[in-house]
Amino acid sequence: MNANDARHLSGLPGLLRWALGLVMLAALAAGLQACGNAQAAPESTFVLLDGSKKTTADFKGKVMLVNFWATSCVTCVAEMPKLISTHQKYAAQGYETLAVAMSYDPPSYVVNYTETRQLPFKVAIDNTGEVAKAWGDVKLTPTTYLVNKRGQIVKQYIGEPDFTALHLLIEKLLAQS
């Protein structure tokens, strides 16, 4: 927001002025993100359902989608078939999906869901909440991050992504060296 924008806003009622200022800041932030000002994905250790561990660093060199979800989340369950098909479409090209179950999700529910739906990707349980905290203090599900081969977050989605646009972005990131 520049000085001219501020002058134009000064004649508006307080709440409207505040809302427009917020929209302008959001647009500025989106512009910075679009210009490649991606932030590094947090260094995290993910405990997978089989008890093994993976770290953020283990995924460098791959395009990675990190999806925070819960079995009790209606939108999460509804988007899961699309996450599965996305994973199957791009896995052979260096794409990974990691579904991170929230700390409040009972592990037995997560295991049951994963097995009955035959999820083809890695599933972790964030039983302490530390992973969600490290990734921006995630509280809303689904929250999804797309990470490039250099380990930088290039996009965050709250709610179900537009999968057509997501696929285009994945293809663009997979083509990068």
Protein backbone atom coordinates (compact mmCIF):
# COMPACT_ATOMS: atom_id res chain seq x y z
CA MET A 1 0.00 0.00 0.00
CA ASN A 2 1.44 3.37 -0.95
CA ALA A 3 0.73 6.97 0.19
CA ASN A 4 -1.93 7.55 -2.49
CA ASP A 5 -3.78 4.40 -1.41
CA ALA A 6 -3.68 5.56 2.22
CA ARG A 7 -5.08 9.02 1.29
CA HIS A 8 -7.97 7.43 -0.61
CA LEU A 9 -8.75 5.16 2.32
CA SER A 10 -8.76 7.97 4.91
CA GLY A 11 -12.20 9.24 3.81
CA LEU A 12 -13.88 5.85 4.28
CA PRO A 13 -15.63 4.63 7.44
CA GLY A 14 -13.27 2.87 9.89
CA LEU A 15 -14.35 -0.75 9.36
CA LEU A 16 -14.41 -0.42 5.57
CA ARG A 17 -11.01 1.28 5.61
CA TRP A 18 -9.64 -1.52 7.78
CA ALA A 19 -11.10 -4.22 5.52
CA LEU A 20 -9.75 -2.63 2.34
CA GLY A 21 -6.33 -2.24 3.95
CA LEU A 22 -6.39 -5.92 4.89
CA VAL A 23 -7.31 -6.90 1.33
CA MET A 24 -4.44 -4.78 -0.01
CA LEU A 25 -1.98 -6.41 2.39
CA ALA A 26 -3.22 -9.87 1.38
CA ALA A 27 -2.77 -8.97 -2.29
CA LEU A 28 0.75 -7.75 -1.56
CA ALA A 29 1.56 -10.96 0.30
CA ALA A 30 0.14 -13.06 -2.55
CA GLY A 31 2.24 -11.07 -5.01
CA LEU A 32 5.39 -11.73 -3.01
CA GLN A 33 4.56 -15.45 -2.88
CA ALA A 34 3.93 -15.49 -6.65
CA CYS A 35 7.28 -13.79 -7.25
CA GLY A 36 9.11 -16.79 -5.86
CA ASN A 37 9.54 -15.52 -2.31
CA ALA A 38 8.86 -19.06 -1.06
CA GLN A 39 9.77 -19.93 2.50
CA ALA A 40 11.62 -23.07 3.51
CA ALA A 41 9.46 -25.91 4.73
CA PRO A 42 10.01 -26.44 8.46
CA GLU A 43 12.40 -29.17 9.51
CA SER A 44 10.05 -31.78 10.92
CA THR A 45 10.13 -35.43 11.85
CA PHE A 46 7.04 -37.37 10.75
CA VAL A 47 6.18 -40.61 12.56
CA LEU A 48 4.57 -42.91 10.01
CA LEU A 49 1.93 -45.51 10.80
CA ASP A 50 4.49 -48.33 10.62
CA GLY A 51 6.56 -46.58 13.31
CA SER A 52 9.29 -45.46 10.92
CA LYS A 53 10.31 -41.82 10.70
CA LYS A 54 10.80 -39.43 7.80
CA THR A 55 12.11 -35.90 7.98
CA THR A 56 11.42 -32.93 5.74
CA ALA A 57 14.99 -33.31 4.43
CA ASP A 58 14.20 -36.86 3.23
CA PHE A 59 11.87 -35.35 0.62
CA LYS A 60 14.34 -32.85 -0.90
CA GLY A 61 14.60 -33.36 -4.63
CA LYS A 62 10.91 -34.27 -4.83
CA VAL A 63 7.75 -32.23 -5.11
CA MET A 64 5.83 -32.93 -1.91
CA LEU A 65 2.27 -32.33 -0.81
CA VAL A 66 1.78 -32.24 2.97
CA ASN A 67 -1.88 -32.57 3.93
CA PHE A 68 -3.01 -32.00 7.52
CA TRP A 69 -6.28 -33.87 7.98
CA ALA A 70 -8.53 -35.72 10.42
CA THR A 71 -10.88 -38.67 10.05
CA SER A 72 -13.61 -36.52 11.64
CA CYS A 73 -13.19 -33.77 9.02
CA VAL A 74 -15.91 -34.04 6.35
CA THR A 75 -13.94 -32.01 3.78
CA CYS A 76 -10.80 -34.07 4.43
CA VAL A 77 -12.64 -37.32 3.81
CA ALA A 78 -14.33 -35.87 0.70
CA GLU A 79 -11.02 -34.72 -0.85
CA MET A 80 -9.13 -37.95 -0.08
CA PRO A 81 -10.04 -39.73 -3.37
CA LYS A 82 -8.67 -36.69 -5.26
CA LEU A 83 -5.46 -36.79 -3.20
CA ILE A 84 -5.16 -40.50 -4.04
CA SER A 85 -5.63 -39.93 -7.80
CA THR A 86 -3.21 -36.97 -7.73
CA HIS A 87 -0.62 -39.11 -5.99
CA GLN A 88 -1.08 -41.97 -8.45
CA LYS A 89 -0.85 -39.60 -11.42
CA TYR A 90 2.47 -38.00 -10.40
CA ALA A 91 4.26 -40.44 -8.04
CA ALA A 92 6.41 -41.96 -10.79
CA GLN A 93 7.67 -38.46 -11.69
CA GLY A 94 9.11 -37.61 -8.26
CA TYR A 95 5.98 -36.50 -6.41
CA GLU A 96 5.25 -37.49 -2.81
CA THR A 97 2.12 -37.15 -0.71
CA LEU A 98 2.27 -37.13 3.06
CA ALA A 99 -0.99 -37.11 5.00
CA VAL A 100 -0.48 -35.89 8.57
CA ALA A 101 -3.29 -36.84 10.96
CA MET A 102 -3.97 -34.22 13.61
CA SER A 103 -3.09 -34.88 17.26
CA TYR A 104 -6.74 -35.18 18.32
CA ASP A 105 -7.46 -37.93 15.79
CA PRO A 106 -7.47 -41.33 17.53
CA PRO A 107 -4.64 -43.43 16.04
CA SER A 108 -6.95 -46.43 15.65
CA TYR A 109 -9.28 -44.34 13.46
CA VAL A 110 -6.36 -43.19 11.30
CA VAL A 111 -5.06 -46.75 10.88
CA ASN A 112 -8.55 -48.05 10.05
CA TYR A 113 -9.18 -45.27 7.52
CA THR A 114 -5.77 -45.76 5.89
CA GLU A 115 -6.21 -49.52 5.58
CA THR A 116 -9.84 -49.57 4.43
CA ARG A 117 -9.21 -46.87 1.80
CA GLN A 118 -5.83 -48.39 0.85
CA LEU A 119 -4.11 -45.01 0.89
CA PRO A 120 -1.14 -45.32 -1.50
CA PHE A 121 0.95 -42.63 0.19
CA LYS A 122 2.69 -42.11 3.52
CA VAL A 123 0.49 -41.34 6.52
CA ALA A 124 1.87 -39.85 9.72
CA ILE A 125 0.24 -39.26 13.09
CA ASP A 126 1.14 -36.00 14.78
CA ASN A 127 0.34 -37.29 18.27
CA THR A 128 2.07 -34.40 20.06
CA GLY A 129 0.88 -31.60 17.78
CA GLU A 130 4.50 -30.49 17.23
CA VAL A 131 4.40 -31.00 13.46
CA ALA A 132 1.22 -28.93 13.05
CA LYS A 133 2.78 -26.25 15.25
CA ALA A 134 5.97 -26.17 13.18
CA TRP A 135 3.98 -25.84 9.93
CA GLY A 136 2.33 -22.56 10.96
CA ASP A 137 0.33 -23.77 13.97
CA VAL A 138 -2.19 -25.61 11.79
CA LYS A 139 -5.59 -25.83 13.45
CA LEU A 140 -7.99 -25.99 10.49
CA THR A 141 -8.35 -29.12 8.40
CA PRO A 142 -7.69 -29.74 5.68
CA THR A 143 -4.62 -27.54 5.43
CA THR A 144 -2.30 -28.50 2.61
CA TYR A 145 1.17 -27.33 1.62
CA LEU A 146 2.89 -27.86 -1.71
CA VAL A 147 6.68 -27.99 -1.41
CA ASN A 148 9.11 -27.73 -4.34
CA LYS A 149 12.21 -29.85 -4.95
CA ARG A 150 14.35 -27.33 -3.03
CA GLY A 151 12.24 -27.81 0.08
CA GLN A 152 10.37 -24.50 -0.17
CA ILE A 153 6.65 -24.06 0.41
CA VAL A 154 5.21 -22.65 -2.80
CA LYS A 155 1.50 -22.83 -1.98
CA GLN A 156 -0.75 -23.28 1.03
CA TYR A 157 -4.38 -24.33 0.78
CA ILE A 158 -6.92 -24.09 3.57
CA GLY A 159 -9.88 -26.22 2.61
CA GLU A 160 -10.04 -28.37 -0.48
CA PRO A 161 -7.71 -27.19 -3.26
CA ASP A 162 -8.82 -26.55 -6.82
CA PHE A 163 -7.36 -29.81 -8.10
CA THR A 164 -7.13 -28.67 -11.74
CA ALA A 165 -4.97 -25.70 -10.70
CA LEU A 166 -3.05 -27.91 -8.24
CA HIS A 167 -2.20 -30.37 -11.02
CA LEU A 168 -0.92 -27.56 -13.23
CA LEU A 169 1.29 -26.29 -10.41
CA ILE A 170 2.58 -29.80 -9.65
CA GLU A 171 3.46 -30.28 -13.33
CA LYS A 172 5.30 -26.93 -13.37
CA LEU A 173 7.26 -27.85 -10.22
CA LEU A 174 8.10 -31.33 -11.48
CA ALA A 175 9.53 -29.80 -14.68
CA GLN A 176 11.91 -27.58 -12.69
CA SER A 177 15.39 -28.85 -11.93
